[in-house]
Amino acid sequence: MRPIVFTSRPEDHASLLTALGLACTENHGDWLVFDSGDGKVGLHRAAAGSAEDGTVQLGFEIRDRGIFVRRTLADGTLAELLEAGRGPAARVTAPDGFSFLADPVADLAPRRPGPLSVVQQWHTPDVAAARKVLADIGARPGPPDADGRSPFRARNGGLVEVRHGEVSGVALALAYDGGPADLGALLAAAGVPATACGGGFAVQAPGGTVLHVGAAGGA
């Protein structure tokens, strides 16, 4: 799993992700990938002030796009092959027209897991339809979290939370496998300013956005 953050300040985002313990596994200047050991984050340079700047795109990594498309179609969700700006990919489209890409990669072996997992938060007016889409692409629902939601675990690491929203959109978050006190200590040791918020911490990200880092057992 690899959500993509479009930003005019990829260097600043890279510094934040590195401070949080994610490792840079790809660096192509305007395109970088960071691995937490349980999900990845892509950084894509965007023009300052553009509509893309500061947005997040739902994204996944797959091994064989042809097999992925056939299986997704067989399970009842629209999927197709296409040539994206980054190369060959597969596009998945939800019933409401919301779409996202799955990019084939040669090496899906995760690095050694760290304390943080990457979380994609999919906001949608139709939660049931979104959950079916995730199941059709091979993600599996996990146990309910503190709020009673059951996040999906992607095949190749990382979590996807489906949340109700008036319009479709995606947000990036992180999940910590320990309690709030330990998470606060980790952020302080990393020199990352954070504010306690909703059972976790809110971290100020470049461009005025907020990155929420949740803790296990948080309220």
N, C-alpha and C. Protein backbone atom coordinates (compact mmCIF):
# COMPACT_ATOMS: atom_id res chain seq x y z
N MET A 1 0.84 -1.18 0.00
CA MET A 1 0.00 0.00 0.00
C MET A 1 0.88 1.24 0.00
N ARG A 2 0.48 2.23 -0.84
CA ARG A 2 1.34 3.41 -0.95
C ARG A 2 0.52 4.64 -1.33
N PRO A 3 -0.07 5.33 -0.36
CA PRO A 3 -0.73 6.59 -0.67
C PRO A 3 0.30 7.59 -1.21
N ILE A 4 -0.18 8.53 -2.01
CA ILE A 4 0.72 9.51 -2.62
C ILE A 4 0.34 10.91 -2.15
N VAL A 5 1.31 11.61 -1.60
CA VAL A 5 1.13 13.00 -1.18
C VAL A 5 1.69 13.90 -2.27
N PHE A 6 0.85 14.74 -2.84
CA PHE A 6 1.30 15.72 -3.82
C PHE A 6 1.64 17.01 -3.08
N THR A 7 2.85 17.47 -3.25
CA THR A 7 3.31 18.60 -2.45
C THR A 7 4.35 19.44 -3.19
N SER A 8 4.31 20.74 -2.96
CA SER A 8 5.34 21.62 -3.50
C SER A 8 6.56 21.65 -2.58
N ARG A 9 6.47 20.93 -1.45
CA ARG A 9 7.58 20.91 -0.49
C ARG A 9 7.96 19.47 -0.15
N PRO A 10 8.36 18.69 -1.14
CA PRO A 10 8.70 17.29 -0.86
C PRO A 10 9.88 17.13 0.08
N GLU A 11 10.83 18.07 0.03
CA GLU A 11 11.99 17.97 0.92
C GLU A 11 11.57 18.09 2.38
N ASP A 12 10.63 18.99 2.66
CA ASP A 12 10.16 19.15 4.04
C ASP A 12 9.35 17.94 4.49
N HIS A 13 8.53 17.40 3.60
CA HIS A 13 7.79 16.18 3.93
C HIS A 13 8.76 15.03 4.17
N ALA A 14 9.80 14.95 3.34
CA ALA A 14 10.78 13.88 3.50
C ALA A 14 11.47 13.98 4.86
N SER A 15 11.79 15.19 5.28
CA SER A 15 12.44 15.36 6.59
C SER A 15 11.52 14.90 7.72
N LEU A 16 10.22 15.20 7.61
CA LEU A 16 9.27 14.79 8.64
C LEU A 16 9.15 13.27 8.68
N LEU A 17 8.99 12.64 7.53
CA LEU A 17 8.84 11.18 7.49
C LEU A 17 10.10 10.49 8.00
N THR A 18 11.25 11.04 7.67
CA THR A 18 12.51 10.46 8.16
C THR A 18 12.59 10.58 9.68
N ALA A 19 12.21 11.74 10.21
CA ALA A 19 12.23 11.93 11.67
C ALA A 19 11.29 10.95 12.37
N LEU A 20 10.20 10.59 11.70
CA LEU A 20 9.24 9.65 12.27
C LEU A 20 9.68 8.20 12.14
N GLY A 21 10.80 7.97 11.47
CA GLY A 21 11.35 6.62 11.39
C GLY A 21 11.10 5.89 10.09
N LEU A 22 10.48 6.53 9.10
CA LEU A 22 10.30 5.88 7.81
C LEU A 22 11.59 5.98 7.01
N ALA A 23 11.87 4.98 6.20
CA ALA A 23 13.11 4.94 5.43
C ALA A 23 12.83 5.25 3.96
N CYS A 24 13.65 6.10 3.38
CA CYS A 24 13.52 6.41 1.95
C CYS A 24 14.06 5.24 1.13
N THR A 25 13.21 4.64 0.32
CA THR A 25 13.62 3.49 -0.49
C THR A 25 13.74 3.84 -1.97
N GLU A 26 13.18 4.98 -2.37
CA GLU A 26 13.32 5.46 -3.75
C GLU A 26 13.45 6.97 -3.72
N ASN A 27 14.37 7.51 -4.51
CA ASN A 27 14.52 8.95 -4.61
C ASN A 27 14.86 9.31 -6.04
N HIS A 28 13.85 9.81 -6.75
CA HIS A 28 14.02 10.21 -8.14
C HIS A 28 13.82 11.71 -8.31
N GLY A 29 14.16 12.46 -7.26
CA GLY A 29 14.03 13.91 -7.33
C GLY A 29 12.61 14.37 -7.04
N ASP A 30 11.76 14.31 -8.05
CA ASP A 30 10.38 14.75 -7.89
C ASP A 30 9.46 13.63 -7.41
N TRP A 31 10.01 12.44 -7.23
CA TRP A 31 9.23 11.28 -6.79
C TRP A 31 10.05 10.49 -5.78
N LEU A 32 9.53 10.41 -4.54
CA LEU A 32 10.21 9.68 -3.48
C LEU A 32 9.25 8.70 -2.83
N VAL A 33 9.79 7.61 -2.31
CA VAL A 33 8.98 6.61 -1.60
C VAL A 33 9.61 6.34 -0.25
N PHE A 34 8.78 6.35 0.80
CA PHE A 34 9.22 6.06 2.16
C PHE A 34 8.48 4.84 2.68
N ASP A 35 9.22 3.96 3.37
CA ASP A 35 8.68 2.69 3.85
C ASP A 35 8.71 2.67 5.37
N SER A 36 7.56 2.36 5.98
CA SER A 36 7.49 2.24 7.44
C SER A 36 7.74 0.82 7.91
N GLY A 37 7.78 -0.14 6.96
CA GLY A 37 7.81 -1.55 7.31
C GLY A 37 6.40 -2.13 7.34
N ASP A 38 5.39 -1.26 7.38
CA ASP A 38 3.99 -1.67 7.30
C ASP A 38 3.24 -0.60 6.51
N GLY A 39 3.51 -0.57 5.22
CA GLY A 39 2.95 0.44 4.34
C GLY A 39 3.97 1.49 3.94
N LYS A 40 3.75 2.09 2.78
CA LYS A 40 4.66 3.09 2.23
C LYS A 40 3.92 4.40 1.99
N VAL A 41 4.71 5.46 1.79
CA VAL A 41 4.18 6.77 1.43
C VAL A 41 4.97 7.28 0.24
N GLY A 42 4.27 7.70 -0.80
CA GLY A 42 4.92 8.32 -1.95
C GLY A 42 4.80 9.83 -1.87
N LEU A 43 5.86 10.53 -2.24
CA LEU A 43 5.85 11.99 -2.31
C LEU A 43 6.05 12.39 -3.76
N HIS A 44 5.11 13.17 -4.30
CA HIS A 44 5.18 13.59 -5.69
C HIS A 44 5.17 15.12 -5.73
N ARG A 45 6.19 15.70 -6.36
CA ARG A 45 6.27 17.16 -6.41
C ARG A 45 5.11 17.74 -7.21
N ALA A 46 4.50 18.78 -6.67
CA ALA A 46 3.42 19.51 -7.34
C ALA A 46 3.78 20.98 -7.38
N ALA A 47 3.23 21.69 -8.34
CA ALA A 47 3.48 23.12 -8.43
C ALA A 47 2.86 23.84 -7.24
N ALA A 48 3.60 24.79 -6.67
CA ALA A 48 3.11 25.53 -5.51
C ALA A 48 1.81 26.25 -5.85
N GLY A 49 0.81 26.09 -5.00
CA GLY A 49 -0.46 26.76 -5.20
C GLY A 49 -1.38 26.09 -6.19
N SER A 50 -0.95 24.96 -6.76
CA SER A 50 -1.80 24.25 -7.72
C SER A 50 -2.91 23.51 -6.99
N ALA A 51 -3.88 23.02 -7.75
CA ALA A 51 -4.99 22.27 -7.15
C ALA A 51 -4.49 20.99 -6.50
N GLU A 52 -3.41 20.43 -7.02
CA GLU A 52 -2.86 19.18 -6.47
C GLU A 52 -2.10 19.39 -5.17
N ASP A 53 -1.51 20.56 -5.00
CA ASP A 53 -0.61 20.80 -3.87
C ASP A 53 -1.32 20.55 -2.54
N GLY A 54 -0.79 19.61 -1.76
CA GLY A 54 -1.36 19.31 -0.46
C GLY A 54 -2.41 18.21 -0.47
N THR A 55 -2.68 17.63 -1.64
CA THR A 55 -3.69 16.57 -1.71
C THR A 55 -3.05 15.19 -1.54
N VAL A 56 -3.88 14.21 -1.21
CA VAL A 56 -3.43 12.83 -1.03
C VAL A 56 -4.24 11.93 -1.94
N GLN A 57 -3.58 11.01 -2.58
CA GLN A 57 -4.22 10.08 -3.51
C GLN A 57 -4.13 8.66 -2.95
N LEU A 58 -5.26 7.96 -2.95
CA LEU A 58 -5.28 6.55 -2.55
C LEU A 58 -4.39 5.76 -3.51
N GLY A 59 -3.57 4.86 -2.98
CA GLY A 59 -2.68 4.11 -3.86
C GLY A 59 -2.27 2.78 -3.28
N PHE A 60 -1.99 1.83 -4.17
CA PHE A 60 -1.60 0.49 -3.77
C PHE A 60 -0.46 0.00 -4.66
N GLU A 61 0.28 -0.98 -4.16
CA GLU A 61 1.31 -1.65 -4.95
C GLU A 61 0.86 -3.08 -5.22
N ILE A 62 1.13 -3.55 -6.43
CA ILE A 62 0.74 -4.90 -6.83
C ILE A 62 1.90 -5.56 -7.57
N ARG A 63 1.79 -6.87 -7.75
CA ARG A 63 2.86 -7.58 -8.44
C ARG A 63 2.59 -7.67 -9.94
N ASP A 64 1.41 -8.15 -10.34
CA ASP A 64 1.07 -8.36 -11.75
C ASP A 64 -0.24 -7.64 -12.03
N ARG A 65 -0.20 -6.60 -12.82
CA ARG A 65 -1.41 -5.79 -13.01
C ARG A 65 -2.48 -6.53 -13.81
N GLY A 66 -2.07 -7.41 -14.73
CA GLY A 66 -3.05 -8.17 -15.49
C GLY A 66 -3.86 -9.09 -14.60
N ILE A 67 -3.17 -9.83 -13.74
CA ILE A 67 -3.86 -10.72 -12.79
C ILE A 67 -4.72 -9.90 -11.84
N PHE A 68 -4.19 -8.78 -11.37
CA PHE A 68 -4.93 -7.92 -10.44
C PHE A 68 -6.24 -7.45 -11.06
N VAL A 69 -6.19 -6.99 -12.31
CA VAL A 69 -7.39 -6.50 -12.98
C VAL A 69 -8.40 -7.62 -13.17
N ARG A 70 -7.94 -8.78 -13.61
CA ARG A 70 -8.86 -9.91 -13.84
C ARG A 70 -9.57 -10.32 -12.55
N ARG A 71 -8.82 -10.41 -11.47
CA ARG A 71 -9.41 -10.83 -10.20
C ARG A 71 -10.37 -9.78 -9.65
N THR A 72 -10.01 -8.51 -9.81
CA THR A 72 -10.87 -7.45 -9.31
C THR A 72 -12.18 -7.41 -10.09
N LEU A 73 -12.10 -7.54 -11.41
CA LEU A 73 -13.30 -7.59 -12.23
C LEU A 73 -14.17 -8.79 -11.87
N ALA A 74 -13.53 -9.94 -11.66
CA ALA A 74 -14.28 -11.15 -11.33
C ALA A 74 -15.03 -11.00 -10.01
N ASP A 75 -14.49 -10.19 -9.10
CA ASP A 75 -15.13 -10.00 -7.80
C ASP A 75 -16.19 -8.90 -7.84
N GLY A 76 -16.30 -8.20 -8.98
CA GLY A 76 -17.40 -7.26 -9.13
C GLY A 76 -17.07 -5.79 -9.09
N THR A 77 -15.78 -5.43 -9.13
CA THR A 77 -15.39 -4.01 -9.11
C THR A 77 -14.70 -3.65 -10.42
N LEU A 78 -15.00 -2.49 -10.96
CA LEU A 78 -14.43 -2.05 -12.22
C LEU A 78 -12.93 -1.81 -12.08
N ALA A 79 -12.15 -2.42 -12.97
CA ALA A 79 -10.69 -2.24 -12.99
C ALA A 79 -10.23 -2.31 -14.44
N GLU A 80 -9.16 -1.58 -14.75
CA GLU A 80 -8.66 -1.55 -16.12
C GLU A 80 -7.17 -1.25 -16.12
N LEU A 81 -6.52 -1.65 -17.21
CA LEU A 81 -5.11 -1.34 -17.42
C LEU A 81 -5.00 0.06 -18.01
N LEU A 82 -3.94 0.77 -17.65
CA LEU A 82 -3.69 2.07 -18.25
C LEU A 82 -2.22 2.43 -18.12
N GLU A 83 -1.80 3.43 -18.88
CA GLU A 83 -0.44 3.97 -18.79
C GLU A 83 -0.52 5.28 -18.01
N ALA A 84 0.00 5.27 -16.79
CA ALA A 84 -0.01 6.47 -15.95
C ALA A 84 1.28 7.24 -16.17
N GLY A 85 1.37 8.41 -15.54
CA GLY A 85 2.57 9.22 -15.68
C GLY A 85 3.81 8.54 -15.16
N ARG A 86 3.63 7.62 -14.19
CA ARG A 86 4.77 6.90 -13.62
C ARG A 86 5.03 5.58 -14.34
N GLY A 87 4.19 5.25 -15.35
CA GLY A 87 4.37 4.00 -16.08
C GLY A 87 3.10 3.16 -16.07
N PRO A 88 3.20 1.87 -16.46
CA PRO A 88 2.03 1.00 -16.51
C PRO A 88 1.39 0.86 -15.13
N ALA A 89 0.06 0.86 -15.09
CA ALA A 89 -0.65 0.75 -13.82
C ALA A 89 -2.01 0.12 -14.06
N ALA A 90 -2.75 -0.06 -12.99
CA ALA A 90 -4.15 -0.49 -13.07
C ALA A 90 -4.99 0.56 -12.35
N ARG A 91 -6.15 0.85 -12.93
CA ARG A 91 -7.05 1.82 -12.30
C ARG A 91 -8.29 1.10 -11.81
N VAL A 92 -8.65 1.40 -10.56
CA VAL A 92 -9.85 0.82 -9.94
C VAL A 92 -10.85 1.95 -9.75
N THR A 93 -12.11 1.70 -10.11
CA THR A 93 -13.14 2.73 -10.00
C THR A 93 -14.29 2.23 -9.13
N ALA A 94 -14.61 3.00 -8.10
CA ALA A 94 -15.72 2.67 -7.21
C ALA A 94 -17.05 3.02 -7.88
N PRO A 95 -18.16 2.51 -7.37
CA PRO A 95 -19.46 2.79 -7.99
C PRO A 95 -19.80 4.27 -8.11
N ASP A 96 -19.28 5.11 -7.20
CA ASP A 96 -19.58 6.55 -7.28
C ASP A 96 -18.66 7.31 -8.22
N GLY A 97 -17.76 6.59 -8.91
CA GLY A 97 -16.85 7.22 -9.85
C GLY A 97 -15.49 7.55 -9.28
N PHE A 98 -15.31 7.46 -7.97
CA PHE A 98 -14.00 7.70 -7.35
C PHE A 98 -13.04 6.61 -7.82
N SER A 99 -11.83 7.00 -8.22
CA SER A 99 -10.88 6.01 -8.74
C SER A 99 -9.51 6.20 -8.11
N PHE A 100 -8.72 5.15 -8.18
CA PHE A 100 -7.35 5.18 -7.67
C PHE A 100 -6.51 4.21 -8.47
N LEU A 101 -5.19 4.34 -8.34
CA LEU A 101 -4.26 3.51 -9.10
C LEU A 101 -3.58 2.46 -8.23
N ALA A 102 -3.27 1.35 -8.87
CA ALA A 102 -2.43 0.32 -8.27
C ALA A 102 -1.23 0.15 -9.19
N ASP A 103 -0.04 0.36 -8.67
CA ASP A 103 1.17 0.35 -9.47
C ASP A 103 1.94 -0.95 -9.30
N PRO A 104 2.32 -1.60 -10.40
CA PRO A 104 3.13 -2.82 -10.27
C PRO A 104 4.56 -2.49 -9.86
N VAL A 105 5.09 -3.25 -8.93
CA VAL A 105 6.47 -3.10 -8.49
C VAL A 105 7.13 -4.46 -8.48
N ALA A 106 8.45 -4.47 -8.69
CA ALA A 106 9.17 -5.74 -8.78
C ALA A 106 9.41 -6.36 -7.41
N ASP A 107 9.66 -5.52 -6.41
CA ASP A 107 10.01 -6.04 -5.08
C ASP A 107 8.96 -5.59 -4.08
N LEU A 108 8.14 -6.53 -3.62
CA LEU A 108 7.12 -6.23 -2.63
C LEU A 108 7.53 -6.66 -1.23
N ALA A 109 8.77 -7.12 -1.08
CA ALA A 109 9.22 -7.57 0.24
C ALA A 109 9.32 -6.36 1.18
N PRO A 110 8.60 -6.37 2.30
CA PRO A 110 8.67 -5.24 3.22
C PRO A 110 9.98 -5.21 3.97
N ARG A 111 10.39 -4.01 4.38
CA ARG A 111 11.56 -3.94 5.23
C ARG A 111 11.14 -4.32 6.65
N ARG A 112 12.10 -4.40 7.55
CA ARG A 112 11.81 -4.79 8.92
C ARG A 112 10.76 -3.86 9.52
N PRO A 113 9.67 -4.42 10.08
CA PRO A 113 8.60 -3.56 10.61
C PRO A 113 9.10 -2.63 11.71
N GLY A 114 8.60 -1.41 11.71
CA GLY A 114 8.88 -0.46 12.77
C GLY A 114 7.64 -0.27 13.63
N PRO A 115 7.63 0.72 14.50
CA PRO A 115 6.48 0.92 15.39
C PRO A 115 5.30 1.61 14.73
N LEU A 116 5.49 2.15 13.52
CA LEU A 116 4.43 2.90 12.85
C LEU A 116 3.92 2.17 11.62
N SER A 117 2.61 2.24 11.42
CA SER A 117 1.97 1.73 10.20
C SER A 117 1.40 2.90 9.42
N VAL A 118 1.45 2.81 8.10
CA VAL A 118 0.84 3.82 7.25
C VAL A 118 -0.66 3.54 7.15
N VAL A 119 -1.45 4.60 7.27
CA VAL A 119 -2.91 4.48 7.21
C VAL A 119 -3.45 5.41 6.12
N GLN A 120 -4.23 4.85 5.21
CA GLN A 120 -4.98 5.67 4.26
C GLN A 120 -6.41 5.79 4.78
N GLN A 121 -6.89 7.01 4.91
CA GLN A 121 -8.27 7.24 5.35
C GLN A 121 -9.10 7.64 4.14
N TRP A 122 -9.99 6.74 3.74
CA TRP A 122 -10.84 6.95 2.57
C TRP A 122 -12.18 7.50 3.05
N HIS A 123 -12.44 8.77 2.76
CA HIS A 123 -13.71 9.40 3.12
C HIS A 123 -14.65 9.28 1.92
N THR A 124 -15.87 8.81 2.15
CA THR A 124 -16.79 8.54 1.05
C THR A 124 -18.24 8.62 1.53
N PRO A 125 -19.16 9.06 0.65
CA PRO A 125 -20.57 9.05 1.02
C PRO A 125 -21.13 7.63 1.12
N ASP A 126 -20.49 6.66 0.48
CA ASP A 126 -21.00 5.29 0.45
C ASP A 126 -19.97 4.35 1.07
N VAL A 127 -20.03 4.21 2.38
CA VAL A 127 -19.05 3.40 3.10
C VAL A 127 -19.12 1.93 2.69
N ALA A 128 -20.33 1.39 2.55
CA ALA A 128 -20.48 -0.02 2.21
C ALA A 128 -19.86 -0.33 0.85
N ALA A 129 -20.07 0.55 -0.13
CA ALA A 129 -19.51 0.33 -1.46
C ALA A 129 -17.98 0.39 -1.43
N ALA A 130 -17.43 1.32 -0.66
CA ALA A 130 -15.98 1.43 -0.57
C ALA A 130 -15.38 0.20 0.09
N ARG A 131 -16.03 -0.30 1.12
CA ARG A 131 -15.54 -1.51 1.78
C ARG A 131 -15.56 -2.70 0.83
N LYS A 132 -16.58 -2.78 -0.02
CA LYS A 132 -16.62 -3.87 -1.00
C LYS A 132 -15.48 -3.74 -2.01
N VAL A 133 -15.20 -2.51 -2.44
CA VAL A 133 -14.09 -2.29 -3.37
C VAL A 133 -12.78 -2.79 -2.76
N LEU A 134 -12.54 -2.45 -1.51
CA LEU A 134 -11.30 -2.89 -0.85
C LEU A 134 -11.24 -4.41 -0.75
N ALA A 135 -12.37 -5.04 -0.43
CA ALA A 135 -12.39 -6.50 -0.37
C ALA A 135 -12.12 -7.10 -1.74
N ASP A 136 -12.66 -6.47 -2.79
CA ASP A 136 -12.50 -6.99 -4.15
C ASP A 136 -11.06 -6.88 -4.65
N ILE A 137 -10.28 -5.93 -4.11
CA ILE A 137 -8.87 -5.83 -4.54
C ILE A 137 -7.94 -6.64 -3.64
N GLY A 138 -8.52 -7.38 -2.70
CA GLY A 138 -7.71 -8.29 -1.89
C GLY A 138 -7.38 -7.82 -0.51
N ALA A 139 -7.85 -6.64 -0.10
CA ALA A 139 -7.63 -6.18 1.27
C ALA A 139 -8.55 -6.95 2.21
N ARG A 140 -8.13 -7.08 3.46
CA ARG A 140 -8.89 -7.87 4.42
C ARG A 140 -9.23 -7.04 5.66
N PRO A 141 -10.51 -7.08 6.10
CA PRO A 141 -10.87 -6.31 7.30
C PRO A 141 -10.22 -6.88 8.54
N GLY A 142 -9.73 -5.99 9.39
CA GLY A 142 -9.12 -6.40 10.65
C GLY A 142 -10.09 -6.25 11.80
N PRO A 143 -9.61 -6.42 13.02
CA PRO A 143 -10.47 -6.24 14.20
C PRO A 143 -10.87 -4.78 14.36
N PRO A 144 -12.01 -4.51 15.00
CA PRO A 144 -12.46 -3.13 15.20
C PRO A 144 -11.45 -2.32 16.00
N ASP A 145 -11.33 -1.03 15.66
CA ASP A 145 -10.44 -0.15 16.42
C ASP A 145 -11.22 0.46 17.59
N ALA A 146 -10.61 1.44 18.26
CA ALA A 146 -11.22 2.04 19.45
C ALA A 146 -12.55 2.72 19.13
N ASP A 147 -12.75 3.12 17.87
CA ASP A 147 -13.99 3.79 17.49
C ASP A 147 -15.01 2.83 16.89
N GLY A 148 -14.71 1.53 16.92
CA GLY A 148 -15.64 0.54 16.39
C GLY A 148 -15.51 0.30 14.90
N ARG A 149 -14.58 0.98 14.23
CA ARG A 149 -14.36 0.76 12.81
C ARG A 149 -13.43 -0.43 12.61
N SER A 150 -13.59 -1.10 11.47
CA SER A 150 -12.71 -2.22 11.14
C SER A 150 -11.83 -1.81 9.96
N PRO A 151 -10.61 -1.35 10.21
CA PRO A 151 -9.74 -0.97 9.10
C PRO A 151 -9.35 -2.19 8.28
N PHE A 152 -9.12 -1.98 7.00
CA PHE A 152 -8.68 -3.05 6.12
C PHE A 152 -7.16 -3.11 6.10
N ARG A 153 -6.64 -4.31 6.03
CA ARG A 153 -5.19 -4.50 5.89
C ARG A 153 -4.91 -4.84 4.43
N ALA A 154 -4.03 -4.04 3.81
CA ALA A 154 -3.65 -4.29 2.43
C ALA A 154 -2.76 -5.52 2.33
N ARG A 155 -2.78 -6.15 1.17
CA ARG A 155 -2.00 -7.37 0.97
C ARG A 155 -0.52 -7.18 1.27
N ASN A 156 0.01 -6.02 0.89
CA ASN A 156 1.45 -5.80 1.01
C ASN A 156 1.80 -4.82 2.12
N GLY A 157 0.95 -4.76 3.15
CA GLY A 157 1.24 -3.92 4.30
C GLY A 157 0.49 -2.60 4.28
N GLY A 158 0.19 -2.11 5.47
CA GLY A 158 -0.53 -0.85 5.60
C GLY A 158 -2.01 -1.06 5.83
N LEU A 159 -2.67 -0.01 6.30
CA LEU A 159 -4.08 -0.06 6.67
C LEU A 159 -4.88 0.96 5.88
N VAL A 160 -6.15 0.62 5.64
CA VAL A 160 -7.08 1.55 5.00
C VAL A 160 -8.31 1.66 5.89
N GLU A 161 -8.62 2.87 6.33
CA GLU A 161 -9.83 3.14 7.09
C GLU A 161 -10.86 3.77 6.16
N VAL A 162 -12.08 3.26 6.20
CA VAL A 162 -13.17 3.85 5.42
C VAL A 162 -14.04 4.66 6.37
N ARG A 163 -14.20 5.94 6.06
CA ARG A 163 -14.97 6.84 6.92
C ARG A 163 -16.03 7.56 6.09
N HIS A 164 -17.16 7.82 6.71
CA HIS A 164 -18.21 8.53 6.00
C HIS A 164 -17.83 9.99 5.81
N GLY A 165 -18.09 10.50 4.61
CA GLY A 165 -17.86 11.90 4.30
C GLY A 165 -18.84 12.35 3.24
N GLU A 166 -19.11 13.65 3.20
CA GLU A 166 -20.06 14.17 2.21
C GLU A 166 -19.51 14.06 0.80
N VAL A 167 -18.20 14.16 0.66
CA VAL A 167 -17.55 14.01 -0.64
C VAL A 167 -16.40 13.02 -0.50
N SER A 168 -16.02 12.42 -1.62
CA SER A 168 -14.92 11.46 -1.59
C SER A 168 -13.58 12.17 -1.46
N GLY A 169 -12.70 11.60 -0.69
CA GLY A 169 -11.37 12.17 -0.51
C GLY A 169 -10.50 11.23 0.30
N VAL A 170 -9.22 11.56 0.38
CA VAL A 170 -8.26 10.69 1.06
C VAL A 170 -7.38 11.54 1.97
N ALA A 171 -7.08 11.00 3.14
CA ALA A 171 -6.15 11.64 4.07
C ALA A 171 -5.10 10.62 4.49
N LEU A 172 -3.92 11.09 4.79
CA LEU A 172 -2.83 10.24 5.26
C LEU A 172 -2.75 10.31 6.78
N ALA A 173 -2.55 9.17 7.42
CA ALA A 173 -2.35 9.11 8.86
C ALA A 173 -1.33 8.01 9.15
N LEU A 174 -0.91 7.93 10.40
CA LEU A 174 -0.02 6.87 10.85
C LEU A 174 -0.62 6.25 12.11
N ALA A 175 -0.31 4.99 12.35
CA ALA A 175 -0.78 4.30 13.55
C ALA A 175 0.43 3.74 14.30
N TYR A 176 0.45 3.96 15.61
CA TYR A 176 1.54 3.50 16.47
C TYR A 176 1.08 2.27 17.22
N ASP A 177 1.97 1.27 17.37
CA ASP A 177 1.57 0.01 17.98
C ASP A 177 1.66 0.01 19.51
N GLY A 178 1.95 1.16 20.11
CA GLY A 178 2.00 1.27 21.57
C GLY A 178 1.00 2.30 22.07
N GLY A 179 1.02 2.58 23.35
CA GLY A 179 0.08 3.50 23.97
C GLY A 179 0.44 4.96 23.74
N PRO A 180 -0.48 5.87 24.10
CA PRO A 180 -0.26 7.30 23.90
C PRO A 180 0.99 7.84 24.58
N ALA A 181 1.29 7.37 25.79
CA ALA A 181 2.46 7.89 26.50
C ALA A 181 3.75 7.54 25.76
N ASP A 182 3.83 6.28 25.29
CA ASP A 182 5.02 5.86 24.55
C ASP A 182 5.12 6.60 23.22
N LEU A 183 3.98 6.84 22.57
CA LEU A 183 3.99 7.58 21.32
C LEU A 183 4.47 9.01 21.54
N GLY A 184 4.00 9.64 22.61
CA GLY A 184 4.45 10.98 22.92
C GLY A 184 5.94 11.04 23.15
N ALA A 185 6.47 10.02 23.82
CA ALA A 185 7.91 9.96 24.07
C ALA A 185 8.68 9.78 22.76
N LEU A 186 8.14 8.95 21.86
CA LEU A 186 8.80 8.72 20.57
C LEU A 186 8.85 10.01 19.76
N LEU A 187 7.75 10.74 19.72
CA LEU A 187 7.71 11.99 18.96
C LEU A 187 8.65 13.02 19.56
N ALA A 188 8.69 13.09 20.89
CA ALA A 188 9.59 14.04 21.55
C ALA A 188 11.04 13.71 21.26
N ALA A 189 11.38 12.41 21.31
CA ALA A 189 12.76 11.99 21.04
C ALA A 189 13.16 12.28 19.60
N ALA A 190 12.17 12.23 18.69
CA ALA A 190 12.45 12.49 17.29
C ALA A 190 12.49 13.98 16.99
N GLY A 191 12.14 14.81 17.98
CA GLY A 191 12.13 16.25 17.77
C GLY A 191 10.97 16.72 16.92
N VAL A 192 9.86 15.97 16.96
CA VAL A 192 8.69 16.31 16.15
C VAL A 192 7.64 16.96 17.05
N PRO A 193 7.37 18.26 16.90
CA PRO A 193 6.33 18.91 17.71
C PRO A 193 4.97 18.28 17.44
N ALA A 194 4.21 18.00 18.49
CA ALA A 194 2.92 17.35 18.33
C ALA A 194 1.99 17.77 19.45
N THR A 195 0.69 17.74 19.16
CA THR A 195 -0.34 18.09 20.12
C THR A 195 -1.24 16.89 20.36
N ALA A 196 -1.48 16.55 21.63
CA ALA A 196 -2.36 15.43 21.95
C ALA A 196 -3.73 15.68 21.35
N CYS A 197 -4.27 14.64 20.69
CA CYS A 197 -5.54 14.81 19.98
C CYS A 197 -6.18 13.46 19.72
N GLY A 198 -7.36 13.21 20.28
CA GLY A 198 -8.15 12.03 19.94
C GLY A 198 -7.45 10.71 20.14
N GLY A 199 -6.80 10.51 21.27
CA GLY A 199 -6.14 9.24 21.52
C GLY A 199 -4.80 9.09 20.84
N GLY A 200 -4.33 10.15 20.20
CA GLY A 200 -3.04 10.13 19.54
C GLY A 200 -2.45 11.53 19.54
N PHE A 201 -1.78 11.89 18.47
CA PHE A 201 -1.16 13.20 18.39
C PHE A 201 -1.35 13.78 17.00
N ALA A 202 -1.53 15.10 16.95
CA ALA A 202 -1.59 15.83 15.69
C ALA A 202 -0.23 16.46 15.44
N VAL A 203 0.35 16.15 14.29
CA VAL A 203 1.66 16.66 13.91
C VAL A 203 1.48 17.66 12.78
N GLN A 204 2.06 18.84 12.94
CA GLN A 204 1.96 19.84 11.89
C GLN A 204 2.84 19.42 10.72
N ALA A 205 2.23 19.26 9.55
CA ALA A 205 2.96 18.86 8.36
C ALA A 205 3.21 20.08 7.47
N PRO A 206 4.15 19.98 6.53
CA PRO A 206 4.43 21.10 5.64
C PRO A 206 3.18 21.54 4.88
N GLY A 207 3.08 22.83 4.63
CA GLY A 207 1.95 23.34 3.88
C GLY A 207 0.72 23.61 4.71
N GLY A 208 0.84 23.52 6.04
CA GLY A 208 -0.29 23.81 6.90
C GLY A 208 -1.23 22.65 7.13
N THR A 209 -0.91 21.47 6.61
CA THR A 209 -1.75 20.30 6.84
C THR A 209 -1.37 19.65 8.17
N VAL A 210 -2.23 18.75 8.63
CA VAL A 210 -2.01 18.05 9.90
C VAL A 210 -1.95 16.55 9.65
N LEU A 211 -0.94 15.91 10.20
CA LEU A 211 -0.80 14.45 10.12
C LEU A 211 -1.18 13.87 11.47
N HIS A 212 -2.21 13.03 11.50
CA HIS A 212 -2.62 12.42 12.76
C HIS A 212 -1.89 11.10 12.95
N VAL A 213 -1.31 10.93 14.13
CA VAL A 213 -0.63 9.69 14.49
C VAL A 213 -1.41 9.08 15.64
N GLY A 214 -2.11 7.98 15.38
CA GLY A 214 -2.93 7.34 16.39
C GLY A 214 -2.13 6.35 17.22
N ALA A 215 -2.58 6.13 18.45
CA ALA A 215 -1.92 5.19 19.35
C ALA A 215 -2.87 4.04 19.67
N ALA A 216 -2.31 2.85 19.88
CA ALA A 216 -3.11 1.70 20.26
C ALA A 216 -3.77 1.97 21.61
N GLY A 217 -5.06 1.69 21.69
CA GLY A 217 -5.76 1.91 22.94
C GLY A 217 -6.17 3.34 23.17
N GLY A 218 -5.90 4.22 22.18
CA GLY A 218 -6.30 5.61 22.34
C GLY A 218 -7.81 5.75 22.29
N ALA A 219 -8.30 6.74 22.98
CA ALA A 219 -9.76 6.93 23.02
C ALA A 219 -10.27 7.47 21.69
